[in-house]
N, C-alpha and C. Protein backbone atom coordinates (compact mmCIF):
# COMPACT_ATOMS: atom_id res chain seq x y z
N MET A 1 0.50 8.59 -15.70
CA MET A 1 -0.05 9.53 -16.66
C MET A 1 0.92 10.69 -16.89
N LYS A 2 1.55 11.16 -15.84
CA LYS A 2 2.42 12.32 -15.98
C LYS A 2 3.65 12.00 -16.84
N ALA A 3 4.11 10.76 -16.83
CA ALA A 3 5.31 10.39 -17.57
C ALA A 3 5.03 10.04 -19.03
N SER A 4 3.77 9.94 -19.39
CA SER A 4 3.42 9.55 -20.76
C SER A 4 3.66 10.68 -21.75
N SER A 5 4.24 10.33 -22.89
CA SER A 5 4.41 11.33 -23.95
C SER A 5 3.15 11.42 -24.81
N ILE A 6 2.23 10.50 -24.60
CA ILE A 6 0.96 10.48 -25.33
C ILE A 6 -0.04 11.34 -24.55
N PRO A 7 -0.72 12.29 -25.20
CA PRO A 7 -1.72 13.10 -24.48
C PRO A 7 -2.85 12.21 -23.95
N ILE A 8 -3.21 12.42 -22.70
CA ILE A 8 -4.26 11.61 -22.06
C ILE A 8 -5.40 12.51 -21.63
N LYS A 9 -6.61 12.14 -22.02
CA LYS A 9 -7.81 12.82 -21.55
C LYS A 9 -8.38 11.96 -20.43
N THR A 10 -8.64 12.56 -19.28
CA THR A 10 -9.20 11.83 -18.14
C THR A 10 -10.70 12.10 -18.10
N VAL A 11 -11.50 11.02 -18.16
CA VAL A 11 -12.95 11.15 -18.21
C VAL A 11 -13.57 10.41 -17.04
N GLY A 12 -14.43 11.11 -16.29
CA GLY A 12 -15.17 10.50 -15.19
C GLY A 12 -16.58 10.17 -15.64
N LEU A 13 -16.94 8.90 -15.55
CA LEU A 13 -18.27 8.43 -15.96
C LEU A 13 -19.00 7.84 -14.76
N GLY A 14 -20.09 8.42 -14.34
CA GLY A 14 -20.93 7.81 -13.32
C GLY A 14 -20.49 8.03 -11.90
N LEU A 15 -19.35 7.43 -11.51
CA LEU A 15 -18.91 7.51 -10.12
C LEU A 15 -17.38 7.48 -10.07
N ILE A 16 -16.83 8.43 -9.34
CA ILE A 16 -15.40 8.43 -9.06
C ILE A 16 -15.28 8.43 -7.54
N ALA A 17 -14.57 7.44 -6.99
CA ALA A 17 -14.51 7.33 -5.54
C ALA A 17 -13.12 6.95 -5.07
N SER A 18 -12.79 7.45 -3.90
CA SER A 18 -11.62 7.06 -3.16
C SER A 18 -10.35 7.19 -3.98
N CYS A 19 -9.64 6.11 -4.22
CA CYS A 19 -8.39 6.16 -4.97
C CYS A 19 -8.64 6.60 -6.42
N GLY A 20 -9.80 6.29 -6.95
CA GLY A 20 -10.15 6.75 -8.30
C GLY A 20 -10.14 8.27 -8.38
N PHE A 21 -10.50 8.92 -7.28
CA PHE A 21 -10.47 10.38 -7.23
C PHE A 21 -9.03 10.89 -7.32
N LEU A 22 -8.11 10.23 -6.61
CA LEU A 22 -6.70 10.61 -6.66
C LEU A 22 -6.15 10.47 -8.08
N ILE A 23 -6.56 9.44 -8.77
CA ILE A 23 -6.12 9.24 -10.16
C ILE A 23 -6.74 10.30 -11.07
N PHE A 24 -8.04 10.55 -10.91
CA PHE A 24 -8.71 11.53 -11.77
C PHE A 24 -8.07 12.91 -11.67
N ILE A 25 -7.82 13.38 -10.46
CA ILE A 25 -7.27 14.74 -10.32
C ILE A 25 -5.84 14.85 -10.85
N ALA A 26 -5.16 13.72 -11.00
CA ALA A 26 -3.79 13.73 -11.53
C ALA A 26 -3.77 13.95 -13.05
N GLY A 27 -4.94 13.89 -13.68
CA GLY A 27 -5.01 14.11 -15.12
C GLY A 27 -4.54 15.51 -15.50
N GLU A 28 -4.15 15.65 -16.76
CA GLU A 28 -3.65 16.93 -17.25
C GLU A 28 -4.73 18.00 -17.20
N LYS A 29 -4.38 19.15 -16.64
CA LYS A 29 -5.34 20.25 -16.58
C LYS A 29 -5.75 20.63 -17.99
N GLY A 30 -7.06 20.87 -18.14
CA GLY A 30 -7.62 21.16 -19.45
C GLY A 30 -8.19 19.92 -20.11
N LYS A 31 -7.83 18.74 -19.59
CA LYS A 31 -8.29 17.48 -20.19
C LYS A 31 -8.98 16.57 -19.17
N ARG A 32 -9.48 17.15 -18.08
CA ARG A 32 -10.21 16.39 -17.06
C ARG A 32 -11.70 16.67 -17.26
N ILE A 33 -12.42 15.65 -17.71
CA ILE A 33 -13.82 15.82 -18.09
C ILE A 33 -14.71 14.93 -17.24
N LEU A 34 -15.85 15.48 -16.84
CA LEU A 34 -16.88 14.70 -16.15
C LEU A 34 -18.15 14.71 -16.99
N THR A 35 -18.89 13.64 -16.93
CA THR A 35 -20.22 13.64 -17.53
C THR A 35 -21.16 14.29 -16.52
N PRO A 36 -22.28 14.84 -16.97
CA PRO A 36 -23.18 15.58 -16.06
C PRO A 36 -23.69 14.78 -14.87
N ASN A 37 -23.84 13.48 -15.01
CA ASN A 37 -24.40 12.67 -13.92
C ASN A 37 -23.34 11.99 -13.06
N THR A 38 -22.11 12.39 -13.20
CA THR A 38 -21.04 11.78 -12.41
C THR A 38 -21.07 12.31 -10.97
N SER A 39 -20.89 11.40 -10.02
CA SER A 39 -20.76 11.75 -8.61
C SER A 39 -19.33 11.45 -8.18
N ILE A 40 -18.82 12.25 -7.27
CA ILE A 40 -17.46 12.06 -6.75
C ILE A 40 -17.53 11.88 -5.25
N LEU A 41 -16.79 10.89 -4.76
CA LEU A 41 -16.67 10.66 -3.32
C LEU A 41 -15.23 10.95 -2.91
N SER A 42 -15.07 11.85 -1.95
CA SER A 42 -13.77 12.13 -1.34
C SER A 42 -13.92 11.87 0.15
N HIS A 43 -12.91 11.24 0.73
CA HIS A 43 -13.01 10.93 2.16
C HIS A 43 -11.64 10.76 2.77
N GLN A 44 -11.60 10.86 4.09
CA GLN A 44 -10.38 10.54 4.81
C GLN A 44 -10.15 9.05 4.68
N TYR A 45 -8.90 8.65 4.65
CA TYR A 45 -8.59 7.24 4.48
C TYR A 45 -8.48 6.56 5.83
N THR A 46 -8.82 5.29 5.85
CA THR A 46 -8.80 4.53 7.09
C THR A 46 -7.96 3.28 6.91
N TRP A 47 -7.45 2.81 7.98
CA TRP A 47 -6.67 1.59 7.98
C TRP A 47 -7.17 0.73 9.14
N GLY A 48 -7.23 -0.54 8.93
CA GLY A 48 -7.50 -1.45 10.02
C GLY A 48 -6.16 -1.93 10.55
N SER A 49 -5.95 -1.84 11.83
CA SER A 49 -4.67 -2.25 12.41
C SER A 49 -4.88 -3.01 13.69
N ARG A 50 -4.02 -3.97 13.89
CA ARG A 50 -3.96 -4.65 15.17
C ARG A 50 -2.54 -5.13 15.37
N GLY A 51 -2.23 -5.41 16.57
CA GLY A 51 -0.88 -5.87 16.87
C GLY A 51 -0.42 -5.35 18.21
N LYS A 52 0.88 -5.55 18.44
CA LYS A 52 1.48 -5.09 19.69
C LYS A 52 1.65 -3.58 19.63
N GLU A 53 1.85 -3.00 20.81
CA GLU A 53 1.93 -1.54 20.91
C GLU A 53 2.98 -0.96 19.97
N HIS A 54 4.18 -1.52 19.93
CA HIS A 54 5.23 -0.97 19.07
C HIS A 54 4.87 -1.10 17.59
N GLU A 55 4.12 -2.13 17.22
CA GLU A 55 3.67 -2.27 15.83
C GLU A 55 2.63 -1.21 15.47
N LEU A 56 1.76 -0.90 16.41
CA LEU A 56 0.75 0.14 16.19
C LEU A 56 1.40 1.51 16.03
N TYR A 57 2.43 1.80 16.82
CA TYR A 57 3.13 3.08 16.68
C TYR A 57 3.74 3.20 15.28
N ALA A 58 4.30 2.10 14.78
CA ALA A 58 4.88 2.10 13.43
C ALA A 58 3.79 2.35 12.38
N ARG A 59 2.62 1.77 12.57
CA ARG A 59 1.51 1.97 11.63
C ARG A 59 1.00 3.42 11.67
N VAL A 60 0.96 4.01 12.85
CA VAL A 60 0.55 5.41 12.98
C VAL A 60 1.51 6.30 12.20
N LYS A 61 2.80 6.02 12.32
CA LYS A 61 3.79 6.81 11.58
C LYS A 61 3.55 6.68 10.07
N GLU A 62 3.31 5.47 9.58
CA GLU A 62 3.06 5.28 8.15
C GLU A 62 1.75 5.96 7.74
N PHE A 63 0.74 5.90 8.59
CA PHE A 63 -0.52 6.57 8.30
C PHE A 63 -0.29 8.07 8.15
N GLU A 64 0.49 8.66 9.06
CA GLU A 64 0.79 10.09 8.99
C GLU A 64 1.56 10.44 7.72
N LEU A 65 2.53 9.60 7.34
CA LEU A 65 3.28 9.82 6.10
C LEU A 65 2.37 9.73 4.88
N SER A 66 1.48 8.74 4.88
CA SER A 66 0.55 8.57 3.76
C SER A 66 -0.40 9.75 3.64
N THR A 67 -0.89 10.23 4.77
CA THR A 67 -1.78 11.39 4.78
C THR A 67 -1.05 12.61 4.24
N GLU A 68 0.19 12.80 4.65
CA GLU A 68 0.98 13.93 4.15
C GLU A 68 1.17 13.84 2.63
N ARG A 69 1.50 12.64 2.14
CA ARG A 69 1.67 12.44 0.70
C ARG A 69 0.37 12.73 -0.05
N MET A 70 -0.75 12.26 0.50
CA MET A 70 -2.03 12.45 -0.15
C MET A 70 -2.39 13.94 -0.21
N ILE A 71 -2.20 14.64 0.88
CA ILE A 71 -2.51 16.08 0.89
C ILE A 71 -1.61 16.83 -0.09
N ASN A 72 -0.34 16.44 -0.17
CA ASN A 72 0.56 17.07 -1.15
C ASN A 72 0.09 16.80 -2.57
N HIS A 73 -0.44 15.61 -2.84
CA HIS A 73 -0.98 15.28 -4.15
C HIS A 73 -2.19 16.18 -4.47
N TYR A 74 -3.08 16.33 -3.52
CA TYR A 74 -4.25 17.21 -3.70
C TYR A 74 -3.78 18.64 -3.99
N LYS A 75 -2.80 19.13 -3.20
CA LYS A 75 -2.31 20.50 -3.37
C LYS A 75 -1.73 20.68 -4.77
N LYS A 76 -0.91 19.73 -5.21
CA LYS A 76 -0.27 19.83 -6.52
C LYS A 76 -1.29 19.77 -7.65
N CYS A 77 -2.26 18.89 -7.54
CA CYS A 77 -3.24 18.69 -8.62
C CYS A 77 -4.35 19.73 -8.64
N LEU A 78 -4.72 20.25 -7.47
CA LEU A 78 -5.88 21.13 -7.38
C LEU A 78 -5.52 22.58 -7.05
N GLY A 79 -4.31 22.81 -6.58
CA GLY A 79 -3.91 24.17 -6.24
C GLY A 79 -4.59 24.73 -5.01
N MET A 80 -5.13 23.87 -4.17
CA MET A 80 -5.77 24.30 -2.93
C MET A 80 -4.76 24.29 -1.79
N THR A 81 -5.05 25.07 -0.76
CA THR A 81 -4.23 25.03 0.44
C THR A 81 -4.59 23.78 1.24
N GLU A 82 -3.71 23.40 2.14
CA GLU A 82 -3.99 22.24 2.99
C GLU A 82 -5.25 22.47 3.82
N ALA A 83 -5.42 23.67 4.34
CA ALA A 83 -6.60 23.97 5.15
C ALA A 83 -7.88 23.81 4.32
N LYS A 84 -7.86 24.29 3.09
CA LYS A 84 -9.04 24.19 2.22
C LYS A 84 -9.33 22.73 1.87
N ILE A 85 -8.28 21.95 1.61
CA ILE A 85 -8.44 20.52 1.31
C ILE A 85 -9.09 19.81 2.48
N LYS A 86 -8.58 20.06 3.68
CA LYS A 86 -9.14 19.40 4.88
C LYS A 86 -10.58 19.85 5.14
N GLU A 87 -10.87 21.10 4.85
CA GLU A 87 -12.22 21.62 5.09
C GLU A 87 -13.23 21.08 4.06
N ILE A 88 -12.86 21.11 2.79
CA ILE A 88 -13.81 20.79 1.73
C ILE A 88 -13.78 19.32 1.30
N LEU A 89 -12.59 18.76 1.14
CA LEU A 89 -12.48 17.42 0.57
C LEU A 89 -12.14 16.32 1.56
N LEU A 90 -11.58 16.67 2.72
CA LEU A 90 -11.19 15.64 3.68
C LEU A 90 -11.66 15.93 5.11
N PRO A 91 -12.93 16.36 5.26
CA PRO A 91 -13.44 16.54 6.62
C PRO A 91 -13.71 15.16 7.25
N PRO A 92 -14.14 15.11 8.50
CA PRO A 92 -14.40 13.81 9.13
C PRO A 92 -15.44 12.94 8.41
N GLN A 93 -16.41 13.56 7.77
CA GLN A 93 -17.45 12.78 7.09
C GLN A 93 -17.13 12.66 5.59
N ASP A 94 -17.75 11.67 4.94
CA ASP A 94 -17.61 11.52 3.49
C ASP A 94 -18.15 12.76 2.79
N VAL A 95 -17.54 13.09 1.67
CA VAL A 95 -17.97 14.24 0.87
C VAL A 95 -18.38 13.74 -0.51
N TRP A 96 -19.62 14.01 -0.88
CA TRP A 96 -20.13 13.67 -2.21
C TRP A 96 -20.28 14.96 -3.00
N LEU A 97 -19.75 14.97 -4.21
CA LEU A 97 -19.82 16.15 -5.07
C LEU A 97 -20.50 15.80 -6.38
N SER A 98 -21.30 16.72 -6.87
CA SER A 98 -21.87 16.59 -8.22
C SER A 98 -20.82 17.07 -9.21
N ALA A 99 -21.05 16.84 -10.48
CA ALA A 99 -20.14 17.34 -11.51
C ALA A 99 -20.03 18.86 -11.45
N GLU A 100 -21.15 19.52 -11.24
CA GLU A 100 -21.14 21.00 -11.16
C GLU A 100 -20.32 21.49 -9.97
N GLU A 101 -20.48 20.84 -8.82
CA GLU A 101 -19.70 21.23 -7.64
C GLU A 101 -18.21 20.99 -7.89
N ALA A 102 -17.89 19.88 -8.54
CA ALA A 102 -16.50 19.57 -8.87
C ALA A 102 -15.91 20.62 -9.80
N LYS A 103 -16.68 21.07 -10.75
CA LYS A 103 -16.19 22.10 -11.68
C LYS A 103 -15.93 23.41 -10.94
N LYS A 104 -16.83 23.78 -10.04
CA LYS A 104 -16.63 25.01 -9.25
C LYS A 104 -15.36 24.95 -8.42
N LEU A 105 -15.01 23.75 -7.95
CA LEU A 105 -13.80 23.57 -7.15
C LEU A 105 -12.56 23.34 -8.01
N LYS A 106 -12.74 23.35 -9.34
CA LYS A 106 -11.66 23.14 -10.31
C LYS A 106 -11.06 21.73 -10.23
N ILE A 107 -11.91 20.77 -9.84
CA ILE A 107 -11.52 19.37 -9.83
C ILE A 107 -11.55 18.83 -11.26
N CYS A 108 -12.52 19.32 -12.03
CA CYS A 108 -12.59 18.98 -13.45
C CYS A 108 -12.51 20.27 -14.25
N ASP A 109 -12.25 20.13 -15.54
CA ASP A 109 -12.12 21.30 -16.40
C ASP A 109 -13.39 21.58 -17.18
N LYS A 110 -14.13 20.53 -17.48
CA LYS A 110 -15.40 20.73 -18.17
C LYS A 110 -16.32 19.55 -17.94
N ILE A 111 -17.59 19.83 -18.19
CA ILE A 111 -18.64 18.80 -18.07
C ILE A 111 -19.19 18.61 -19.48
N GLU A 112 -19.22 17.37 -19.93
CA GLU A 112 -19.68 17.06 -21.30
C GLU A 112 -20.55 15.83 -21.32
N GLU A 113 -21.55 15.86 -22.20
CA GLU A 113 -22.29 14.65 -22.53
C GLU A 113 -21.42 13.87 -23.51
N LEU A 114 -21.26 12.61 -23.31
CA LEU A 114 -20.46 11.79 -24.23
C LEU A 114 -21.38 10.77 -24.89
N TYR A 115 -22.02 11.18 -25.95
CA TYR A 115 -22.91 10.25 -26.65
C TYR A 115 -22.75 10.35 -28.11
């Protein structure tokens, strides 16, 4: 989306979850719209891993790198500090947000009925 020369409006309809949330927040500021009944799920990411000890250490390193990249994406798109992101959007439990809560957190720019 960032590389496109065509203006893109990002619209959330009904449910935005997990990786869809990462895509939604990457939309151009001022053009991120949610419908009133949209719910958003943000959560810590999980990986299933098995293998020998040295393979698990390698996976932990990649998990840490991925988490760092994800937090940097949140910071760039939302302007929040890492501490605020971890507190509000990436605590140990799943976080469900209404459209209104998302607007207060500046995750979306406006809430519109699209009919």
